[in-house]
Protein backbone atom coordinates (compact mmCIF):
# COMPACT_ATOMS: atom_id res chain seq x y z
CA MET A 1 -1.41 -57.86 -44.19
CA SER A 2 -1.24 -57.01 -47.68
CA VAL A 3 -2.84 -53.19 -48.86
CA ARG A 4 -4.04 -51.60 -51.93
CA THR A 5 -2.78 -48.17 -53.19
CA LEU A 6 -6.01 -46.00 -54.17
CA GLN A 7 -6.20 -42.53 -55.35
CA LEU A 8 -9.07 -40.32 -54.22
CA VAL A 9 -10.51 -36.99 -56.04
CA LEU A 10 -12.02 -35.08 -53.26
CA HIS A 11 -14.32 -31.93 -54.22
CA TYR A 12 -14.59 -29.63 -51.34
CA ASP A 13 -16.11 -25.97 -49.87
CA GLY A 14 -13.25 -24.88 -48.26
CA ALA A 15 -15.25 -22.43 -46.34
CA ARG A 16 -15.51 -24.25 -43.01
CA PHE A 17 -11.81 -25.99 -43.23
CA ALA A 18 -8.56 -24.56 -42.14
CA GLY A 19 -7.16 -26.03 -45.14
CA TRP A 20 -5.95 -29.31 -46.27
CA GLN A 21 -3.16 -29.63 -43.42
CA CYS A 22 -4.00 -31.37 -39.93
CA GLN A 23 -3.75 -28.62 -36.99
CA PRO A 24 -4.26 -29.27 -33.84
CA ASP A 25 -8.10 -28.06 -32.30
CA GLN A 26 -8.46 -26.88 -36.16
CA ARG A 27 -11.02 -28.51 -38.49
CA THR A 28 -9.25 -29.63 -41.58
CA VAL A 29 -9.85 -31.48 -44.94
CA GLN A 30 -6.98 -34.32 -44.07
CA GLY A 31 -8.08 -34.55 -40.31
CA GLU A 32 -11.82 -35.28 -41.70
CA VAL A 33 -10.58 -37.78 -44.48
CA GLU A 34 -8.36 -39.40 -42.10
CA ARG A 35 -11.19 -39.65 -39.14
CA VAL A 36 -13.28 -41.32 -41.53
CA LEU A 37 -10.44 -43.79 -42.69
CA ASP A 38 -9.82 -44.85 -39.27
CA SER A 39 -13.06 -45.62 -38.75
CA LEU A 40 -13.62 -48.03 -41.83
CA CYS A 41 -9.97 -49.47 -41.50
CA GLY A 42 -10.36 -49.69 -37.62
CA HIS A 43 -6.42 -48.25 -37.21
CA ARG A 44 -4.70 -44.90 -38.45
CA ILE A 45 -4.46 -44.61 -42.10
CA VAL A 46 -2.52 -41.45 -43.88
CA ALA A 47 -4.26 -39.48 -46.11
CA ARG A 48 -1.41 -37.65 -48.82
CA GLY A 49 -2.64 -34.71 -50.51
CA ALA A 50 -1.33 -33.30 -53.68
CA GLY A 51 -1.07 -29.81 -52.28
CA ARG A 52 -1.71 -27.86 -49.19
CA THR A 53 -5.24 -25.46 -50.11
CA ASP A 54 -5.22 -22.93 -47.67
CA ALA A 55 -8.06 -21.93 -45.45
CA GLY A 56 -10.90 -21.15 -47.45
CA VAL A 57 -9.50 -22.08 -50.61
CA HIS A 58 -11.74 -24.60 -52.92
CA ALA A 59 -11.37 -27.98 -54.50
CA ARG A 60 -12.78 -29.89 -57.79
CA GLY A 61 -10.05 -31.71 -57.50
CA GLN A 62 -7.31 -32.73 -54.80
CA VAL A 63 -5.58 -35.72 -55.06
CA VAL A 64 -5.20 -38.27 -52.00
CA GLY A 65 -3.17 -41.01 -51.84
CA ILE A 66 -3.80 -44.07 -49.28
CA GLN A 67 -2.78 -47.19 -48.66
CA VAL A 68 -5.63 -49.53 -47.11
CA PRO A 69 -6.30 -52.96 -46.29
CA GLU A 70 -6.87 -55.25 -49.49
CA LYS A 71 -9.88 -55.98 -48.78
CA TRP A 72 -11.08 -52.58 -49.75
CA THR A 73 -11.58 -52.10 -53.80
CA ALA A 74 -11.63 -48.20 -55.27
CA SER A 75 -14.97 -48.18 -55.34
CA ALA A 76 -16.34 -49.74 -51.91
CA MET A 77 -14.25 -47.09 -50.23
CA ARG A 78 -15.57 -44.62 -52.17
CA ARG A 79 -19.05 -45.68 -51.62
CA ALA A 80 -18.03 -45.80 -47.98
CA MET A 81 -16.70 -42.81 -47.23
CA ASN A 82 -19.09 -40.85 -48.77
CA ALA A 83 -21.56 -42.44 -46.33
CA LEU A 84 -19.46 -40.72 -43.73
CA LEU A 85 -17.98 -37.77 -44.52
CA PRO A 86 -19.69 -34.57 -43.94
CA ASP A 87 -21.56 -32.60 -46.61
CA ASP A 88 -19.03 -30.35 -47.58
CA LEU A 89 -16.35 -32.64 -48.54
CA TRP A 90 -17.24 -35.41 -51.22
CA VAL A 91 -15.14 -38.33 -53.25
CA ALA A 92 -15.56 -37.63 -56.75
CA GLU A 93 -13.64 -40.30 -57.85
CA SER A 94 -11.17 -42.98 -56.48
CA HIS A 95 -8.71 -45.09 -58.72
CA GLU A 96 -6.68 -48.04 -57.67
CA MET A 97 -3.18 -47.24 -57.90
CA ARG A 98 0.57 -48.73 -58.42
CA PRO A 99 2.60 -48.96 -55.18
CA GLU A 100 4.72 -46.26 -56.26
CA PHE A 101 2.24 -43.73 -56.84
CA HIS A 102 2.36 -40.79 -54.47
CA ALA A 103 -0.22 -37.84 -54.38
CA ARG A 104 2.30 -35.24 -54.44
CA TYR A 105 6.23 -36.85 -56.05
CA SER A 106 4.10 -38.53 -59.01
CA ALA A 107 1.95 -35.80 -60.53
CA THR A 108 3.14 -33.87 -63.20
CA GLY A 109 0.77 -30.72 -63.73
CA ARG A 110 -1.83 -28.98 -61.48
CA GLN A 111 -5.06 -26.59 -62.48
CA TYR A 112 -6.25 -23.77 -60.91
CA SER A 113 -9.02 -21.49 -61.42
CA TYR A 114 -9.65 -18.19 -59.59
CA THR A 115 -13.19 -16.37 -60.29
CA ILE A 116 -13.66 -12.86 -59.78
CA GLY A 117 -17.76 -11.49 -59.30
CA LEU A 118 -17.97 -8.36 -61.58
CA ASP A 119 -21.68 -7.35 -60.97
CA GLU A 120 -23.74 -6.47 -58.01
CA ALA A 121 -25.19 -9.48 -57.23
CA ALA A 122 -21.57 -10.61 -56.44
CA ARG A 123 -22.43 -9.74 -52.95
CA SER A 124 -25.45 -12.72 -52.79
CA PRO A 125 -24.73 -15.36 -49.95
CA PHE A 126 -25.03 -17.76 -52.78
CA ARG A 127 -21.99 -16.47 -54.87
CA ARG A 128 -19.53 -14.44 -52.30
CA ARG A 129 -18.26 -17.57 -50.75
CA PHE A 130 -16.67 -18.85 -53.95
CA GLU A 131 -16.29 -15.63 -55.98
CA TRP A 132 -13.77 -12.00 -54.79
CA HIS A 133 -16.46 -9.45 -55.56
CA VAL A 134 -14.38 -6.40 -57.30
CA PRO A 135 -16.70 -3.61 -57.85
CA HIS A 136 -14.13 -1.60 -59.86
CA PRO A 137 -13.97 -0.71 -63.10
CA LEU A 138 -11.43 -2.86 -65.03
CA SER A 139 -9.58 -2.75 -68.57
CA ARG A 140 -10.61 -6.29 -69.84
CA GLU A 141 -8.26 -5.84 -72.66
CA LEU A 142 -5.18 -4.95 -70.54
CA LEU A 143 -5.95 -8.16 -68.48
CA THR A 144 -6.67 -10.39 -71.02
CA SER A 145 -3.15 -9.40 -72.37
CA LEU A 146 -1.50 -10.43 -68.98
CA PRO A 147 -1.33 -13.70 -68.76
CA ALA A 148 0.96 -14.13 -71.78
CA GLN A 149 4.11 -13.04 -69.83
CA ILE A 150 3.09 -15.65 -67.59
CA ARG A 151 3.81 -18.52 -69.69
CA GLY A 152 6.81 -20.35 -69.98
CA GLU A 153 9.55 -21.13 -67.46
CA HIS A 154 10.01 -18.73 -64.39
CA HIS A 155 11.13 -17.80 -61.47
CA PHE A 156 8.47 -17.14 -59.41
CA TYR A 157 10.19 -15.70 -56.39
CA GLY A 158 8.19 -12.51 -56.72
CA PHE A 159 4.81 -14.59 -57.02
CA ALA A 160 5.58 -16.61 -53.68
CA VAL A 161 5.63 -16.25 -49.90
CA ARG A 162 8.80 -16.26 -48.43
CA GLY A 163 10.98 -18.67 -46.44
CA THR A 164 7.91 -21.46 -47.09
CA ALA A 165 9.76 -23.27 -49.90
CA PRO A 166 13.59 -25.36 -49.14
CA ALA A 167 16.04 -22.82 -49.24
CA GLN A 168 17.69 -24.44 -52.09
CA ASP A 169 14.50 -24.07 -53.96
CA ASP A 170 14.95 -22.16 -57.40
CA HIS A 171 11.40 -21.35 -57.15
CA ARG A 172 11.22 -22.38 -61.08
CA CYS A 173 7.76 -23.33 -62.41
CA HIS A 174 6.93 -24.12 -65.84
CA VAL A 175 3.02 -22.55 -66.89
CA THR A 176 2.13 -24.44 -69.54
CA GLU A 177 -1.48 -22.59 -69.69
CA ALA A 178 -3.03 -19.21 -68.27
CA GLY A 179 -5.93 -17.15 -69.56
CA TRP A 180 -8.92 -14.82 -68.31
CA ALA A 181 -12.40 -16.12 -69.80
CA TYR A 182 -15.22 -13.60 -69.41
CA THR A 183 -19.04 -13.88 -68.58
CA PRO A 184 -21.60 -11.10 -68.05
CA GLN A 185 -21.08 -11.66 -64.26
CA HIS A 186 -17.65 -13.10 -64.05
CA ALA A 187 -13.70 -12.94 -64.99
CA ILE A 188 -12.21 -16.18 -64.53
CA PHE A 189 -8.61 -16.93 -64.82
CA HIS A 190 -7.56 -20.73 -65.50
CA VAL A 191 -3.87 -21.71 -64.75
CA ARG A 192 -2.18 -24.63 -65.42
CA ALA A 193 1.52 -25.76 -64.54
CA ASN A 194 3.77 -28.63 -63.39
CA ARG A 195 3.98 -26.69 -59.76
CA PHE A 196 2.45 -24.10 -57.85
CA LEU A 197 4.01 -21.74 -54.62
CA HIS A 198 2.61 -21.09 -51.48
CA HIS A 199 0.17 -18.58 -52.58
CA MET A 200 1.56 -17.82 -56.37
CA VAL A 201 -1.78 -17.70 -58.34
CA ARG A 202 -3.38 -15.78 -55.42
CA PHE A 203 -0.33 -13.37 -55.86
CA LEU A 204 -0.72 -13.28 -59.82
CA VAL A 205 -4.33 -12.41 -59.70
CA GLY A 206 -4.19 -9.38 -57.28
CA THR A 207 -1.36 -8.09 -59.26
CA MET A 208 -3.23 -8.80 -62.55
CA ILE A 209 -6.34 -7.17 -60.89
CA ASP A 210 -4.36 -3.92 -59.80
CA ILE A 211 -2.82 -3.19 -63.05
CA ALA A 212 -6.31 -4.37 -64.95
CA ARG A 213 -7.91 -1.15 -62.20
CA GLY A 214 -4.87 1.31 -63.04
CA ARG A 215 -2.92 0.75 -59.54
CA ARG A 216 0.33 -0.37 -61.04
CA PRO A 217 1.80 -0.16 -64.45
CA HIS A 218 1.08 -2.87 -66.89
CA THR A 219 4.92 -3.80 -66.70
CA ASP A 220 5.40 -4.61 -63.27
CA LEU A 221 4.05 -7.80 -63.92
CA ALA A 222 7.25 -8.24 -65.86
CA ASP A 223 9.07 -6.89 -63.33
CA LEU A 224 8.22 -9.17 -60.78
CA LEU A 225 8.77 -11.99 -62.60
CA VAL A 226 12.38 -11.61 -62.87
CA SER A 227 12.26 -10.09 -59.15
CA THR A 228 14.74 -12.14 -56.65
CA ASP A 229 11.68 -11.64 -53.59
CA ASN A 230 8.68 -10.46 -53.55
CA LEU A 231 8.99 -7.19 -51.94
CA LYS A 232 6.68 -5.52 -54.36
CA VAL A 233 3.78 -7.90 -55.34
CA SER A 234 0.43 -6.97 -54.27
CA ALA A 235 -1.76 -8.12 -51.81
CA PRO A 236 -2.90 -11.62 -52.43
CA ALA A 237 -6.17 -11.83 -53.86
CA PRO A 238 -8.79 -13.41 -50.99
CA PRO A 239 -8.39 -17.33 -50.69
CA HIS A 240 -12.54 -17.95 -51.28
CA GLY A 241 -11.82 -17.17 -55.08
CA LEU A 242 -9.47 -19.93 -56.07
CA VAL A 243 -10.29 -23.57 -56.71
CA LEU A 244 -8.00 -26.70 -57.18
CA GLU A 245 -9.29 -27.77 -60.39
CA ARG A 246 -7.45 -31.34 -61.53
CA VAL A 247 -3.83 -32.90 -60.59
CA GLU A 248 -2.66 -34.54 -63.36
CA TYR A 249 -0.55 -38.27 -63.72
CA PRO A 250 1.10 -40.09 -66.02
CA SER A 251 -1.70 -42.57 -67.50
CA ASP A 252 0.79 -45.97 -66.65
CA LEU A 253 0.52 -45.46 -62.46
CA TYR A 254 -3.00 -46.06 -62.96
CA LEU A 255 -4.66 -49.98 -62.52
CA THR A 256 -8.39 -48.95 -62.72
CA GLY A 257 -9.61 -46.66 -65.78
CA GLN A 258 -9.30 -42.93 -65.35
């Protein structure tokens, strides 16, 4: 049977998902996507994600690679899936890809954002599932200065969950963009890199917030960037403020327009 390789770009509210990856007796994003694909195609279709988001983490740009019967065009698959998916999961885009496309291994870059709620209204049920409310005073000047240390290539042992990467992995990531943006109600961290480690963004945010609150010295960030373990990192920021914004791929992998 001839197959077609498709890329799906997903939006989801992670609040009611136990993360991306299928787990027994748990509601997951991969599980919902595969359930719908199986119904449409009449047999098991594996949905390969660009990365594994944790429970509570959201996405505006999670990428999924699938191989489906050739009758399914990218646009037809998007329409059919959106008619069957639950209301906290949506296929925003679909593209036909070259057969060698792989959602994880073909990626050249990833972008995340993390939102801090600074005002009392961040406790509102309309905001609290997408923001980490930090009611304590923060040094904006100090917070703004910290991401410059993160940019470039580093071994991020100090900002990763121990034992989640292969033993031979050097934990090296190339961070091309990192910075804080502000509104009257928010501080929003944006970061882009070729790869991210498990909990890496949440550890970075948790540590920077502790520094901006005066709970640890500003030199700690640089020390953690040369550390060989995570024993001195701050607790990770809660998952609900984190959003996977975009995954990037070489343009020559696309058979239809982006």
